[in-house]
Amino acid sequence: MKKLVIILTLLTSLMAQASIDEATMKSTEATSGEIKTSRSCFKELEILGCRHPREDLDQFRSCMRNVYSSLSPSCQKMVTQLYGRRN
């Protein structure tokens, strides 16, 4: 009987942990609006002459610093969060 209680307790705790993990993952997923904003920001950077960061990250950061003042406020915020200096 003790073993059954231990097994049931273990299963219940594992199911609860899975539910908590799933809720956490859902809360960190990007919304379609955030994805649209990010894509438009990278498009804005591309129009200003910056290539994609995948191609050459150092060149991208240099270009981004040069055109930073020309970016929209939301794009400035995004690139600062992604590529700004870390403390």
Protein backbone atom coordinates (compact mmCIF):
# COMPACT_ATOMS: atom_id res chain seq x y z
CA MET A 1 0.00 0.00 0.00
CA LYS A 2 2.86 2.39 0.82
CA LYS A 3 4.43 1.69 -2.57
CA LEU A 4 1.16 2.49 -4.31
CA VAL A 5 0.88 5.83 -2.48
CA ILE A 6 4.49 6.68 -3.35
CA ILE A 7 3.93 5.83 -7.02
CA LEU A 8 0.71 7.85 -7.18
CA THR A 9 2.41 10.80 -5.50
CA LEU A 10 5.29 10.62 -7.95
CA LEU A 11 2.98 10.46 -10.97
CA THR A 12 0.90 13.36 -9.68
CA SER A 13 3.96 15.51 -9.12
CA LEU A 14 5.32 14.69 -12.59
CA MET A 15 1.99 15.63 -14.21
CA ALA A 16 1.91 18.88 -12.23
CA GLN A 17 5.47 19.69 -13.29
CA ALA A 18 4.57 19.03 -16.94
CA SER A 19 1.59 21.40 -16.67
CA ILE A 20 3.76 24.11 -15.15
CA ASP A 21 6.41 23.67 -17.85
CA GLU A 22 3.79 23.86 -20.61
CA ALA A 23 2.32 27.06 -19.17
CA THR A 24 5.79 28.59 -18.94
CA MET A 25 6.56 27.71 -22.56
CA LYS A 26 3.28 29.18 -23.78
CA SER A 27 3.94 32.44 -21.96
CA THR A 28 7.34 32.84 -23.64
CA GLU A 29 6.15 32.19 -27.20
CA ALA A 30 6.20 35.21 -29.47
CA THR A 31 2.85 36.53 -30.61
CA SER A 32 2.13 37.12 -34.27
CA GLY A 33 2.36 40.87 -33.64
CA GLU A 34 5.84 40.53 -32.12
CA ILE A 35 6.96 38.39 -35.05
CA LYS A 36 5.58 40.94 -37.53
CA THR A 37 7.37 43.77 -35.70
CA SER A 38 10.67 41.86 -35.67
CA ARG A 39 10.45 41.07 -39.38
CA SER A 40 9.67 44.68 -40.24
CA CYS A 41 12.65 45.78 -38.16
CA PHE A 42 15.03 43.47 -40.01
CA LYS A 43 13.49 44.67 -43.29
CA GLU A 44 14.11 48.26 -42.16
CA LEU A 45 17.75 47.41 -41.45
CA GLU A 46 18.06 45.72 -44.84
CA ILE A 47 16.68 48.82 -46.60
CA LEU A 48 19.27 50.93 -44.76
CA GLY A 49 22.03 48.68 -46.12
CA CYS A 50 22.66 46.23 -43.30
CA ARG A 51 22.86 42.61 -44.31
CA HIS A 52 21.35 39.85 -42.23
CA PRO A 53 23.29 39.13 -39.00
CA ARG A 54 23.62 35.49 -40.04
CA GLU A 55 25.86 36.50 -42.93
CA ASP A 56 28.38 38.55 -40.96
CA LEU A 57 27.55 39.49 -37.39
CA ASP A 58 30.43 41.95 -36.95
CA GLN A 59 29.50 43.80 -40.16
CA PHE A 60 25.85 43.81 -39.09
CA ARG A 61 26.64 45.33 -35.69
CA SER A 62 28.85 47.98 -37.28
CA CYS A 63 26.16 48.87 -39.80
CA MET A 64 23.50 48.86 -37.09
CA ARG A 65 25.50 51.38 -35.03
CA ASN A 66 25.82 53.62 -38.10
CA VAL A 67 22.09 53.64 -38.92
CA TYR A 68 20.73 53.37 -35.37
CA SER A 69 19.40 56.95 -35.29
CA SER A 70 17.46 56.32 -38.53
CA LEU A 71 15.55 53.35 -37.10
CA SER A 72 12.03 53.55 -35.73
CA PRO A 73 11.79 53.64 -31.91
CA SER A 74 10.42 50.08 -31.71
CA CYS A 75 13.23 48.82 -33.92
CA GLN A 76 15.82 50.69 -31.84
CA LYS A 77 14.47 49.01 -28.73
CA MET A 78 14.52 45.56 -30.33
CA VAL A 79 18.07 45.75 -31.69
CA THR A 80 19.31 47.17 -28.39
CA GLN A 81 17.79 44.21 -26.55
CA LEU A 82 19.22 41.72 -29.05
CA TYR A 83 22.61 43.18 -29.93
CA GLY A 84 23.32 45.80 -27.26
CA ARG A 85 26.10 45.53 -24.73
CA ARG A 86 25.58 43.07 -21.92
CA ASN A 87 26.34 44.10 -18.35
